[in-house]
Amino acid sequence: MKDKPVVIGVAGGTGSGKTSVTRSIIQRFADKTILMVEQDYYYKDQSHLPYEERLQTNYDHPLAFDNDLLIEHLKQLIDQKSVEKPTYDYKIHTRSEETIHVEPKEVIIVEGILVLEDERLRDLMDIKVFVDTDADVRIIRRMMRDINERGRTLDSVIEQYINVVRPMHLQFVEPTKRYADLIIPEGGQNHVAIDLMATKIQTVLNETQDHFN
């Protein structure tokens, strides 16, 4: 692969359907190669902190993310170099020792609640998307995820949403909507918007290929 990859940012609040949108786009490119890079994998390493302090981590604040490493990896992928993507262990609240080997691909989708918050990340993107879903739907999805996948109790999820998630969404996530080239209401259920998105990606790919032919 010689052409520069198409880099797409998909942002939106917790439980908005960002992952569903990304997966729907990937399914529409069976003959293409699309890589998803999740911002959630790039939470900062906290192994130097006592476990009790790690429990206080605000995962919805921009400072929780190691954007320096994410940007470095994106630049390497754009330059056709492979990277070792970090993983995060939510049970011990720090980065895992395991990494995931990632090869560069034609389309890179960077997905996460705050991928449009950092100007350095936005500058690497060809297309910026914000998935906009009602708050009541998002909190229900977050509850289901945290209880089923992360072993949380219902009370702890509700308390975190009221005291942390909602304030952080209003302060940091919602304002990034203004940077989006495309706003997709209702996430993965919006098939028309996803089809338009897929068409745009195909157009950009075609233009890039024509440029190098």
N, C-alpha and C. Protein backbone atom coordinates (compact mmCIF):
# COMPACT_ATOMS: atom_id res chain seq x y z
N MET A 1 0.84 -1.19 0.00
CA MET A 1 0.00 0.00 0.00
C MET A 1 0.88 1.25 0.00
N LYS A 2 0.70 2.12 -1.00
CA LYS A 2 1.56 3.30 -1.13
C LYS A 2 0.82 4.60 -0.79
N ASP A 3 -0.49 4.59 -0.90
CA ASP A 3 -1.26 5.80 -0.68
C ASP A 3 -1.40 6.10 0.80
N LYS A 4 -1.60 7.39 1.11
CA LYS A 4 -1.83 7.79 2.49
C LYS A 4 -3.20 7.27 2.93
N PRO A 5 -3.29 6.66 4.10
CA PRO A 5 -4.58 6.17 4.58
C PRO A 5 -5.58 7.31 4.80
N VAL A 6 -6.85 7.00 4.69
CA VAL A 6 -7.90 7.94 5.03
C VAL A 6 -8.15 7.81 6.53
N VAL A 7 -8.01 8.91 7.26
CA VAL A 7 -8.17 8.90 8.72
C VAL A 7 -9.50 9.55 9.08
N ILE A 8 -10.32 8.82 9.83
CA ILE A 8 -11.66 9.28 10.21
C ILE A 8 -11.77 9.28 11.73
N GLY A 9 -12.24 10.38 12.28
CA GLY A 9 -12.49 10.45 13.72
C GLY A 9 -13.98 10.28 13.98
N VAL A 10 -14.32 9.38 14.90
CA VAL A 10 -15.72 9.16 15.28
C VAL A 10 -15.85 9.41 16.78
N ALA A 11 -16.47 10.54 17.13
CA ALA A 11 -16.62 10.93 18.53
C ALA A 11 -18.08 10.90 18.94
N GLY A 12 -18.33 11.18 20.21
CA GLY A 12 -19.69 11.19 20.73
C GLY A 12 -19.68 10.76 22.19
N GLY A 13 -20.77 11.00 22.88
CA GLY A 13 -20.85 10.67 24.29
C GLY A 13 -20.81 9.18 24.56
N THR A 14 -20.59 8.83 25.82
CA THR A 14 -20.59 7.43 26.21
C THR A 14 -21.93 6.80 25.89
N GLY A 15 -21.91 5.64 25.25
CA GLY A 15 -23.15 4.95 24.90
C GLY A 15 -23.89 5.54 23.72
N SER A 16 -23.24 6.41 22.97
CA SER A 16 -23.93 7.08 21.86
C SER A 16 -24.08 6.18 20.63
N GLY A 17 -23.25 5.15 20.55
CA GLY A 17 -23.30 4.26 19.40
C GLY A 17 -22.12 4.43 18.47
N LYS A 18 -21.03 5.00 18.98
CA LYS A 18 -19.83 5.21 18.16
C LYS A 18 -19.30 3.90 17.58
N THR A 19 -19.23 2.88 18.43
CA THR A 19 -18.70 1.60 17.98
C THR A 19 -19.62 0.96 16.96
N SER A 20 -20.94 1.09 17.16
CA SER A 20 -21.90 0.53 16.21
C SER A 20 -21.77 1.21 14.85
N VAL A 21 -21.60 2.53 14.86
CA VAL A 21 -21.40 3.26 13.61
C VAL A 21 -20.13 2.78 12.91
N THR A 22 -19.06 2.67 13.68
CA THR A 22 -17.79 2.24 13.10
C THR A 22 -17.89 0.84 12.51
N ARG A 23 -18.51 -0.07 13.23
CA ARG A 23 -18.64 -1.45 12.74
C ARG A 23 -19.53 -1.51 11.51
N SER A 24 -20.57 -0.67 11.48
CA SER A 24 -21.46 -0.63 10.31
C SER A 24 -20.71 -0.16 9.08
N ILE A 25 -19.83 0.83 9.28
CA ILE A 25 -19.02 1.32 8.16
C ILE A 25 -18.07 0.24 7.68
N ILE A 26 -17.44 -0.45 8.63
CA ILE A 26 -16.49 -1.51 8.27
C ILE A 26 -17.18 -2.60 7.46
N GLN A 27 -18.41 -2.94 7.83
CA GLN A 27 -19.15 -3.99 7.13
C GLN A 27 -19.44 -3.62 5.69
N ARG A 28 -19.49 -2.33 5.39
CA ARG A 28 -19.79 -1.88 4.04
C ARG A 28 -18.56 -1.90 3.14
N PHE A 29 -17.41 -2.25 3.71
CA PHE A 29 -16.18 -2.28 2.94
C PHE A 29 -15.54 -3.65 3.03
N ALA A 30 -16.30 -4.65 2.63
CA ALA A 30 -15.79 -6.02 2.70
C ALA A 30 -14.55 -6.20 1.83
N ASP A 31 -14.47 -5.42 0.75
CA ASP A 31 -13.34 -5.55 -0.16
C ASP A 31 -12.23 -4.57 0.17
N LYS A 32 -12.43 -3.78 1.21
CA LYS A 32 -11.41 -2.83 1.64
C LYS A 32 -10.87 -3.25 2.99
N THR A 33 -9.79 -2.62 3.37
CA THR A 33 -9.21 -2.92 4.66
C THR A 33 -9.35 -1.69 5.55
N ILE A 34 -10.09 -1.85 6.64
CA ILE A 34 -10.32 -0.74 7.56
C ILE A 34 -9.81 -1.12 8.95
N LEU A 35 -9.10 -0.20 9.56
CA LEU A 35 -8.56 -0.41 10.89
C LEU A 35 -9.28 0.50 11.88
N MET A 36 -9.71 -0.06 13.00
CA MET A 36 -10.31 0.75 14.06
C MET A 36 -9.31 0.92 15.20
N VAL A 37 -9.06 2.15 15.58
CA VAL A 37 -8.18 2.46 16.70
C VAL A 37 -9.04 3.09 17.80
N GLU A 38 -9.20 2.39 18.91
CA GLU A 38 -10.07 2.85 19.98
C GLU A 38 -9.31 3.71 20.97
N GLN A 39 -9.83 4.90 21.23
CA GLN A 39 -9.19 5.78 22.21
C GLN A 39 -9.18 5.16 23.60
N ASP A 40 -10.18 4.31 23.90
CA ASP A 40 -10.25 3.66 25.21
C ASP A 40 -9.01 2.81 25.50
N TYR A 41 -8.32 2.37 24.48
CA TYR A 41 -7.12 1.56 24.67
C TYR A 41 -5.94 2.42 25.12
N TYR A 42 -6.10 3.72 25.00
CA TYR A 42 -4.99 4.64 25.26
C TYR A 42 -5.17 5.44 26.55
N TYR A 43 -5.86 4.84 27.53
CA TYR A 43 -5.86 5.45 28.84
C TYR A 43 -4.44 5.40 29.41
N LYS A 44 -4.09 6.39 30.20
CA LYS A 44 -2.73 6.47 30.72
C LYS A 44 -2.41 5.30 31.65
N ASP A 45 -1.16 4.89 31.61
CA ASP A 45 -0.69 3.87 32.53
C ASP A 45 -0.70 4.43 33.95
N GLN A 46 -1.23 3.66 34.90
CA GLN A 46 -1.31 4.12 36.28
C GLN A 46 -0.64 3.15 37.25
N SER A 47 0.25 2.33 36.72
CA SER A 47 0.88 1.30 37.54
C SER A 47 1.73 1.89 38.67
N HIS A 48 2.10 3.16 38.53
CA HIS A 48 2.92 3.80 39.55
C HIS A 48 2.08 4.30 40.73
N LEU A 49 0.75 4.23 40.59
CA LEU A 49 -0.14 4.71 41.64
C LEU A 49 -0.69 3.55 42.47
N PRO A 50 -0.95 3.78 43.77
CA PRO A 50 -1.61 2.74 44.58
C PRO A 50 -3.00 2.46 44.03
N TYR A 51 -3.48 1.24 44.24
CA TYR A 51 -4.78 0.82 43.70
C TYR A 51 -5.89 1.76 44.15
N GLU A 52 -5.83 2.21 45.41
CA GLU A 52 -6.87 3.08 45.94
C GLU A 52 -6.95 4.39 45.15
N GLU A 53 -5.81 4.89 44.71
CA GLU A 53 -5.80 6.13 43.92
C GLU A 53 -6.31 5.87 42.50
N ARG A 54 -6.02 4.71 41.97
CA ARG A 54 -6.49 4.38 40.61
C ARG A 54 -8.02 4.33 40.57
N LEU A 55 -8.63 3.93 41.69
CA LEU A 55 -10.09 3.84 41.73
C LEU A 55 -10.75 5.20 41.53
N GLN A 56 -10.00 6.27 41.77
CA GLN A 56 -10.56 7.62 41.64
C GLN A 56 -10.40 8.19 40.23
N THR A 57 -9.91 7.38 39.31
CA THR A 57 -9.67 7.86 37.94
C THR A 57 -10.96 8.36 37.28
N ASN A 58 -10.88 9.53 36.71
CA ASN A 58 -11.99 10.09 35.94
C ASN A 58 -11.75 9.75 34.47
N TYR A 59 -12.38 8.68 34.00
CA TYR A 59 -12.14 8.20 32.64
C TYR A 59 -12.80 9.05 31.57
N ASP A 60 -13.56 10.05 31.98
CA ASP A 60 -14.26 10.91 31.02
C ASP A 60 -13.60 12.28 30.89
N HIS A 61 -12.43 12.45 31.49
CA HIS A 61 -11.69 13.71 31.41
C HIS A 61 -10.58 13.58 30.37
N PRO A 62 -10.32 14.63 29.62
CA PRO A 62 -9.26 14.56 28.59
C PRO A 62 -7.91 14.12 29.13
N LEU A 63 -7.60 14.47 30.37
CA LEU A 63 -6.29 14.14 30.94
C LEU A 63 -6.13 12.66 31.25
N ALA A 64 -7.23 11.89 31.15
CA ALA A 64 -7.14 10.45 31.40
C ALA A 64 -6.48 9.72 30.25
N PHE A 65 -6.42 10.37 29.10
CA PHE A 65 -5.92 9.71 27.89
C PHE A 65 -4.46 10.04 27.60
N ASP A 66 -3.75 9.05 27.10
CA ASP A 66 -2.37 9.23 26.66
C ASP A 66 -2.40 9.60 25.17
N ASN A 67 -2.83 10.83 24.90
CA ASN A 67 -2.96 11.26 23.50
C ASN A 67 -1.61 11.36 22.81
N ASP A 68 -0.55 11.60 23.57
CA ASP A 68 0.78 11.66 22.96
C ASP A 68 1.11 10.34 22.28
N LEU A 69 0.83 9.23 22.98
CA LEU A 69 1.10 7.91 22.41
C LEU A 69 0.14 7.62 21.26
N LEU A 70 -1.13 7.99 21.41
CA LEU A 70 -2.11 7.77 20.35
C LEU A 70 -1.71 8.52 19.08
N ILE A 71 -1.29 9.76 19.23
CA ILE A 71 -0.86 10.56 18.07
C ILE A 71 0.38 9.96 17.43
N GLU A 72 1.32 9.53 18.27
CA GLU A 72 2.54 8.90 17.75
C GLU A 72 2.20 7.66 16.93
N HIS A 73 1.30 6.84 17.44
CA HIS A 73 0.91 5.61 16.74
C HIS A 73 0.17 5.93 15.44
N LEU A 74 -0.71 6.93 15.47
CA LEU A 74 -1.43 7.31 14.25
C LEU A 74 -0.46 7.78 13.17
N LYS A 75 0.50 8.57 13.56
CA LYS A 75 1.49 9.06 12.59
C LYS A 75 2.28 7.91 12.00
N GLN A 76 2.61 6.92 12.82
CA GLN A 76 3.34 5.76 12.32
C GLN A 76 2.48 4.95 11.35
N LEU A 77 1.21 4.79 11.68
CA LEU A 77 0.30 4.06 10.79
C LEU A 77 0.11 4.81 9.47
N ILE A 78 0.02 6.13 9.55
CA ILE A 78 -0.10 6.95 8.33
C ILE A 78 1.16 6.79 7.47
N ASP A 79 2.30 6.62 8.13
CA ASP A 79 3.56 6.42 7.41
C ASP A 79 3.80 4.97 7.02
N GLN A 80 2.73 4.16 7.10
CA GLN A 80 2.79 2.75 6.70
C GLN A 80 3.65 1.90 7.62
N LYS A 81 3.71 2.25 8.89
CA LYS A 81 4.47 1.47 9.86
C LYS A 81 3.51 0.81 10.85
N SER A 82 3.85 -0.39 11.28
CA SER A 82 3.02 -1.09 12.25
C SER A 82 3.28 -0.54 13.66
N VAL A 83 2.34 -0.77 14.57
CA VAL A 83 2.48 -0.32 15.95
C VAL A 83 2.02 -1.42 16.90
N GLU A 84 2.39 -1.26 18.16
CA GLU A 84 1.93 -2.15 19.22
C GLU A 84 0.91 -1.37 20.05
N LYS A 85 -0.36 -1.62 19.77
CA LYS A 85 -1.43 -0.88 20.46
C LYS A 85 -1.55 -1.36 21.90
N PRO A 86 -1.60 -0.43 22.85
CA PRO A 86 -1.72 -0.84 24.26
C PRO A 86 -3.12 -1.37 24.55
N THR A 87 -3.25 -2.05 25.67
CA THR A 87 -4.56 -2.48 26.16
C THR A 87 -4.70 -2.01 27.60
N TYR A 88 -5.95 -1.94 28.05
CA TYR A 88 -6.20 -1.41 29.39
C TYR A 88 -7.03 -2.41 30.18
N ASP A 89 -6.65 -2.62 31.44
CA ASP A 89 -7.34 -3.56 32.31
C ASP A 89 -8.18 -2.76 33.31
N TYR A 90 -9.50 -2.76 33.11
CA TYR A 90 -10.39 -1.97 33.96
C TYR A 90 -10.55 -2.58 35.35
N LYS A 91 -10.17 -3.82 35.53
CA LYS A 91 -10.29 -4.44 36.84
C LYS A 91 -9.20 -3.95 37.79
N ILE A 92 -8.03 -3.66 37.24
CA ILE A 92 -6.95 -3.15 38.08
C ILE A 92 -6.67 -1.67 37.80
N HIS A 93 -7.45 -1.10 36.89
CA HIS A 93 -7.41 0.34 36.60
C HIS A 93 -6.02 0.82 36.17
N THR A 94 -5.42 0.10 35.27
CA THR A 94 -4.16 0.54 34.69
C THR A 94 -3.92 -0.21 33.39
N ARG A 95 -2.90 0.20 32.68
CA ARG A 95 -2.58 -0.42 31.41
C ARG A 95 -2.08 -1.85 31.61
N SER A 96 -2.54 -2.73 30.73
CA SER A 96 -2.11 -4.12 30.78
C SER A 96 -0.71 -4.25 30.17
N GLU A 97 -0.04 -5.35 30.50
CA GLU A 97 1.27 -5.60 29.90
C GLU A 97 1.14 -6.09 28.46
N GLU A 98 -0.05 -6.55 28.09
CA GLU A 98 -0.28 -7.06 26.75
C GLU A 98 -0.48 -5.92 25.75
N THR A 99 0.00 -6.13 24.54
CA THR A 99 -0.23 -5.18 23.45
C THR A 99 -0.82 -5.93 22.26
N ILE A 100 -1.35 -5.18 21.30
CA ILE A 100 -1.94 -5.76 20.10
C ILE A 100 -1.17 -5.24 18.89
N HIS A 101 -0.64 -6.16 18.10
CA HIS A 101 0.10 -5.77 16.91
C HIS A 101 -0.87 -5.27 15.84
N VAL A 102 -0.62 -4.08 15.34
CA VAL A 102 -1.53 -3.46 14.37
C VAL A 102 -0.76 -3.06 13.12
N GLU A 103 -1.26 -3.49 11.98
CA GLU A 103 -0.66 -3.14 10.70
C GLU A 103 -1.42 -1.97 10.06
N PRO A 104 -0.75 -1.13 9.31
CA PRO A 104 -1.42 -0.01 8.63
C PRO A 104 -2.41 -0.50 7.58
N LYS A 105 -3.50 0.26 7.39
CA LYS A 105 -4.52 -0.14 6.42
C LYS A 105 -5.02 1.08 5.66
N GLU A 106 -5.86 0.83 4.68
CA GLU A 106 -6.32 1.90 3.79
C GLU A 106 -7.12 2.98 4.49
N VAL A 107 -7.93 2.55 5.45
CA VAL A 107 -8.78 3.48 6.20
C VAL A 107 -8.54 3.25 7.69
N ILE A 108 -8.30 4.33 8.42
CA ILE A 108 -8.11 4.25 9.86
C ILE A 108 -9.24 5.03 10.53
N ILE A 109 -10.03 4.35 11.34
CA ILE A 109 -11.10 5.02 12.08
C ILE A 109 -10.67 5.14 13.54
N VAL A 110 -10.54 6.36 14.02
CA VAL A 110 -10.17 6.63 15.41
C VAL A 110 -11.46 6.91 16.17
N GLU A 111 -11.78 6.06 17.13
CA GLU A 111 -13.09 6.12 17.79
C GLU A 111 -12.92 6.35 19.29
N GLY A 112 -13.70 7.31 19.83
CA GLY A 112 -13.65 7.57 21.26
C GLY A 112 -14.41 8.83 21.64
N ILE A 113 -14.72 8.97 22.92
CA ILE A 113 -15.55 10.09 23.35
C ILE A 113 -14.89 11.44 23.10
N LEU A 114 -13.55 11.48 23.13
CA LEU A 114 -12.87 12.77 23.06
C LEU A 114 -11.84 12.86 21.93
N VAL A 115 -12.05 12.10 20.85
CA VAL A 115 -11.07 12.13 19.77
C VAL A 115 -11.08 13.46 19.01
N LEU A 116 -12.15 14.25 19.17
CA LEU A 116 -12.19 15.56 18.51
C LEU A 116 -11.78 16.68 19.45
N GLU A 117 -11.46 16.35 20.69
CA GLU A 117 -11.12 17.38 21.68
C GLU A 117 -9.72 17.92 21.49
N ASP A 118 -8.80 17.07 21.06
CA ASP A 118 -7.39 17.44 20.90
C ASP A 118 -7.14 17.91 19.47
N GLU A 119 -6.70 19.16 19.34
CA GLU A 119 -6.47 19.72 18.00
C GLU A 119 -5.45 18.91 17.22
N ARG A 120 -4.46 18.35 17.90
CA ARG A 120 -3.43 17.57 17.22
C ARG A 120 -4.03 16.33 16.57
N LEU A 121 -5.01 15.73 17.24
CA LEU A 121 -5.70 14.58 16.66
C LEU A 121 -6.56 15.00 15.48
N ARG A 122 -7.29 16.10 15.65
CA ARG A 122 -8.15 16.59 14.56
C ARG A 122 -7.35 16.88 13.31
N ASP A 123 -6.14 17.39 13.48
CA ASP A 123 -5.31 17.74 12.33
C ASP A 123 -4.88 16.52 11.52
N LEU A 124 -4.95 15.34 12.12
CA LEU A 124 -4.58 14.11 11.42
C LEU A 124 -5.75 13.49 10.67
N MET A 125 -6.95 14.04 10.89
CA MET A 125 -8.16 13.43 10.35
C MET A 125 -8.59 14.05 9.03
N ASP A 126 -9.05 13.20 8.13
CA ASP A 126 -9.62 13.67 6.86
C ASP A 126 -11.12 13.92 7.00
N ILE A 127 -11.77 13.15 7.85
CA ILE A 127 -13.21 13.27 8.08
C ILE A 127 -13.46 13.18 9.58
N LYS A 128 -14.30 14.09 10.10
CA LYS A 128 -14.61 14.11 11.53
C LYS A 128 -16.11 13.92 11.73
N VAL A 129 -16.47 12.94 12.57
CA VAL A 129 -17.87 12.56 12.78
C VAL A 129 -18.21 12.66 14.26
N PHE A 130 -19.42 13.15 14.55
CA PHE A 130 -19.92 13.16 15.93
C PHE A 130 -21.23 12.39 15.95
N VAL A 131 -21.30 11.36 16.80
CA VAL A 131 -22.51 10.55 16.95
C VAL A 131 -23.33 11.13 18.09
N ASP A 132 -24.52 11.61 17.78
CA ASP A 132 -25.33 12.38 18.73
C ASP A 132 -26.58 11.58 19.11
N THR A 133 -26.62 11.11 20.37
CA THR A 133 -27.73 10.27 20.84
C THR A 133 -28.27 10.83 22.15
N ASP A 134 -29.58 10.70 22.35
CA ASP A 134 -30.23 11.23 23.56
C ASP A 134 -29.58 10.67 24.83
N ALA A 135 -29.55 11.51 25.86
CA ALA A 135 -28.87 11.15 27.11
C ALA A 135 -29.49 9.93 27.79
N ASP A 136 -30.82 9.79 27.73
CA ASP A 136 -31.45 8.65 28.41
C ASP A 136 -31.04 7.33 27.76
N VAL A 137 -30.88 7.34 26.45
CA VAL A 137 -30.43 6.13 25.75
C VAL A 137 -28.98 5.83 26.11
N ARG A 138 -28.17 6.86 26.17
CA ARG A 138 -26.75 6.67 26.46
C ARG A 138 -26.51 6.11 27.86
N ILE A 139 -27.25 6.60 28.86
CA ILE A 139 -27.04 6.12 30.22
C ILE A 139 -27.46 4.65 30.35
N ILE A 140 -28.53 4.26 29.67
CA ILE A 140 -28.96 2.85 29.72
C ILE A 140 -27.89 1.96 29.10
N ARG A 141 -27.35 2.38 27.96
CA ARG A 141 -26.30 1.59 27.32
C ARG A 141 -25.06 1.50 28.20
N ARG A 142 -24.72 2.61 28.86
CA ARG A 142 -23.55 2.61 29.74
C ARG A 142 -23.77 1.66 30.92
N MET A 143 -24.96 1.70 31.48
CA MET A 143 -25.26 0.78 32.58
C MET A 143 -25.06 -0.68 32.16
N MET A 144 -25.63 -1.03 31.02
CA MET A 144 -25.54 -2.41 30.54
C MET A 144 -24.10 -2.81 30.31
N ARG A 145 -23.32 -1.92 29.72
CA ARG A 145 -21.91 -2.24 29.45
C ARG A 145 -21.11 -2.41 30.73
N ASP A 146 -21.23 -1.43 31.64
CA ASP A 146 -20.40 -1.46 32.85
C ASP A 146 -20.78 -2.61 33.78
N ILE A 147 -22.06 -2.95 33.81
CA ILE A 147 -22.49 -4.06 34.67
C ILE A 147 -22.11 -5.41 34.07
N ASN A 148 -22.36 -5.57 32.77
CA ASN A 148 -22.13 -6.86 32.12
C ASN A 148 -20.67 -7.12 31.76
N GLU A 149 -19.95 -6.06 31.38
CA GLU A 149 -18.59 -6.25 30.88
C GLU A 149 -17.51 -5.86 31.88
N ARG A 150 -17.84 -4.99 32.84
CA ARG A 150 -16.80 -4.48 33.73
C ARG A 150 -17.08 -4.77 35.20
N GLY A 151 -18.12 -5.58 35.46
CA GLY A 151 -18.37 -6.04 36.81
C GLY A 151 -18.81 -4.97 37.79
N ARG A 152 -19.41 -3.89 37.28
CA ARG A 152 -19.84 -2.78 38.15
C ARG A 152 -21.22 -3.06 38.72
N THR A 153 -21.54 -2.41 39.84
CA THR A 153 -22.88 -2.49 40.41
C THR A 153 -23.73 -1.36 39.82
N LEU A 154 -25.05 -1.55 39.87
CA LEU A 154 -25.96 -0.54 39.33
C LEU A 154 -25.80 0.78 40.06
N ASP A 155 -25.70 0.73 41.40
CA ASP A 155 -25.56 1.95 42.18
C ASP A 155 -24.30 2.72 41.82
N SER A 156 -23.20 1.99 41.62
CA SER A 156 -21.93 2.66 41.31
C SER A 156 -21.98 3.31 39.94
N VAL A 157 -22.66 2.65 38.98
CA VAL A 157 -22.76 3.21 37.63
C VAL A 157 -23.59 4.50 37.65
N ILE A 158 -24.72 4.47 38.39
CA ILE A 158 -25.57 5.66 38.47
C ILE A 158 -24.85 6.80 39.16
N GLU A 159 -24.17 6.49 40.26
CA GLU A 159 -23.43 7.53 40.99
C GLU A 159 -22.35 8.16 40.11
N GLN A 160 -21.62 7.30 39.37
CA GLN A 160 -20.57 7.81 38.49
C GLN A 160 -21.15 8.67 37.37
N TYR A 161 -22.28 8.25 36.84
CA TYR A 161 -22.89 9.01 35.75
C TYR A 161 -23.30 10.40 36.22
N ILE A 162 -23.93 10.47 37.39
CA ILE A 162 -24.41 11.76 37.89
C ILE A 162 -23.26 12.68 38.28
N ASN A 163 -22.25 12.12 38.95
CA ASN A 163 -21.17 12.94 39.50
C ASN A 163 -20.01 13.20 38.54
N VAL A 164 -19.84 12.30 37.55
CA VAL A 164 -18.67 12.41 36.68
C VAL A 164 -19.05 12.44 35.20
N VAL A 165 -19.73 11.41 34.74
CA VAL A 165 -19.95 11.24 33.31
C VAL A 165 -20.74 12.39 32.71
N ARG A 166 -21.87 12.72 33.31
CA ARG A 166 -22.70 13.79 32.77
C ARG A 166 -22.00 15.15 32.79
N PRO A 167 -21.38 15.55 33.92
CA PRO A 167 -20.66 16.83 33.91
C PRO A 167 -19.53 16.88 32.88
N MET A 168 -18.80 15.76 32.74
CA MET A 168 -17.70 15.73 31.78
C MET A 168 -18.22 15.79 30.35
N HIS A 169 -19.37 15.16 30.12
CA HIS A 169 -19.96 15.20 28.78
C HIS A 169 -20.31 16.64 28.40
N LEU A 170 -20.95 17.33 29.32
CA LEU A 170 -21.36 18.70 29.04
C LEU A 170 -20.17 19.64 28.89
N GLN A 171 -19.13 19.39 29.67
CA GLN A 171 -17.97 20.28 29.65
C GLN A 171 -17.01 20.00 28.49
N PHE A 172 -16.80 18.72 28.18
CA PHE A 172 -15.75 18.38 27.23
C PHE A 172 -16.22 17.70 25.94
N VAL A 173 -17.21 16.81 26.05
CA VAL A 173 -17.60 16.01 24.88
C VAL A 173 -18.54 16.79 23.96
N GLU A 174 -19.63 17.27 24.52
CA GLU A 174 -20.64 17.97 23.71
C GLU A 174 -20.06 19.15 22.91
N PRO A 175 -19.15 19.95 23.49
CA PRO A 175 -18.60 21.07 22.72
C PRO A 175 -17.82 20.67 21.47
N THR A 176 -17.32 19.42 21.42
CA THR A 176 -16.53 19.00 20.26
C THR A 176 -17.39 18.76 19.03
N LYS A 177 -18.70 18.80 19.22
CA LYS A 177 -19.62 18.62 18.09
C LYS A 177 -19.36 19.67 17.00
N ARG A 178 -18.91 20.84 17.42
CA ARG A 178 -18.71 21.92 16.45
C ARG A 178 -17.57 21.64 15.48
N TYR A 179 -16.72 20.68 15.81
CA TYR A 179 -15.61 20.35 14.92
C TYR A 179 -15.99 19.30 13.88
N ALA A 180 -17.17 18.71 14.02
CA ALA A 180 -17.55 17.59 13.16
C ALA A 180 -17.93 18.04 11.76
N ASP A 181 -17.50 17.25 10.77
CA ASP A 181 -17.95 17.46 9.39
C ASP A 181 -19.34 16.85 9.20
N LEU A 182 -19.64 15.83 10.01
CA LEU A 182 -20.92 15.14 9.89
C LEU A 182 -21.41 14.76 11.29
N ILE A 183 -22.68 15.06 11.59
CA ILE A 183 -23.30 14.65 12.84
C ILE A 183 -24.32 13.56 12.54
N ILE A 184 -24.17 12.42 13.22
CA ILE A 184 -25.05 11.28 13.00
C ILE A 184 -25.96 11.10 14.21
N PRO A 185 -27.23 11.45 14.11
CA PRO A 185 -28.17 11.23 15.22
C PRO A 185 -28.47 9.75 15.39
N GLU A 186 -28.61 9.33 16.64
CA GLU A 186 -29.06 7.97 16.99
C GLU A 186 -28.11 6.86 16.58
N GLY A 187 -26.86 7.18 16.36
CA GLY A 187 -25.84 6.17 16.20
C GLY A 187 -26.07 5.14 15.12
N GLY A 188 -25.84 3.86 15.48
CA GLY A 188 -25.90 2.77 14.51
C GLY A 188 -27.26 2.52 13.90
N GLN A 189 -28.31 3.13 14.46
CA GLN A 189 -29.64 2.96 13.90
C GLN A 189 -29.89 3.86 12.70
N ASN A 190 -29.00 4.82 12.50
CA ASN A 190 -29.18 5.78 11.41
C ASN A 190 -28.50 5.25 10.15
N HIS A 191 -29.19 4.37 9.44
CA HIS A 191 -28.60 3.70 8.29
C HIS A 191 -28.36 4.65 7.12
N VAL A 192 -29.20 5.66 6.99
CA VAL A 192 -29.02 6.63 5.91
C VAL A 192 -27.70 7.38 6.08
N ALA A 193 -27.44 7.86 7.30
CA ALA A 193 -26.21 8.61 7.56
C ALA A 193 -24.98 7.71 7.39
N ILE A 194 -25.10 6.46 7.82
CA ILE A 194 -23.97 5.53 7.67
C ILE A 194 -23.71 5.25 6.20
N ASP A 195 -24.77 5.10 5.41
CA ASP A 195 -24.60 4.91 3.96
C ASP A 195 -23.91 6.12 3.33
N LEU A 196 -24.32 7.32 3.74
CA LEU A 196 -23.69 8.54 3.22
C LEU A 196 -22.22 8.59 3.62
N MET A 197 -21.94 8.16 4.84
CA MET A 197 -20.56 8.14 5.32
C MET A 197 -19.72 7.17 4.50
N ALA A 198 -20.27 5.99 4.26
CA ALA A 198 -19.56 4.98 3.46
C ALA A 198 -19.31 5.49 2.05
N THR A 199 -20.28 6.18 1.49
CA THR A 199 -20.12 6.74 0.14
C THR A 199 -19.00 7.77 0.11
N LYS A 200 -18.96 8.61 1.14
CA LYS A 200 -17.91 9.63 1.22
C LYS A 200 -16.54 8.99 1.33
N ILE A 201 -16.42 7.96 2.14
CA ILE A 201 -15.13 7.27 2.29
C ILE A 201 -14.70 6.69 0.94
N GLN A 202 -15.63 6.08 0.23
CA GLN A 202 -15.32 5.51 -1.08
C GLN A 202 -14.85 6.58 -2.05
N THR A 203 -15.51 7.74 -2.00
CA THR A 203 -15.12 8.86 -2.87
C THR A 203 -13.70 9.31 -2.58
N VAL A 204 -13.39 9.45 -1.30
CA VAL A 204 -12.04 9.88 -0.91
C VAL A 204 -11.00 8.84 -1.34
N LEU A 205 -11.33 7.56 -1.16
CA LEU A 205 -10.42 6.50 -1.59
C LEU A 205 -10.18 6.55 -3.09
N ASN A 206 -11.24 6.74 -3.84
CA ASN A 206 -11.12 6.81 -5.29
C ASN A 206 -10.27 8.00 -5.72
N GLU A 207 -10.48 9.15 -5.08
CA GLU A 207 -9.71 10.35 -5.41
C GLU A 207 -8.23 10.14 -5.10
N THR A 208 -7.97 9.48 -3.97
CA THR A 208 -6.57 9.22 -3.61
C THR A 208 -5.91 8.28 -4.58
N GLN A 209 -6.63 7.23 -4.98
CA GLN A 209 -6.09 6.26 -5.92
C GLN A 209 -5.85 6.91 -7.29
N ASP A 210 -6.79 7.77 -7.73
CA ASP A 210 -6.65 8.45 -9.03
C ASP A 210 -5.44 9.37 -9.01
N HIS A 211 -5.20 9.98 -7.85
CA HIS A 211 -4.08 10.92 -7.72
C HIS A 211 -2.73 10.23 -7.92
N PHE A 212 -2.68 8.97 -7.45
CA PHE A 212 -1.40 8.24 -7.52
C PHE A 212 -1.28 7.39 -8.77
N ASN A 213 -2.33 7.31 -9.57
CA ASN A 213 -2.25 6.53 -10.81
C ASN A 213 -1.64 7.36 -11.95
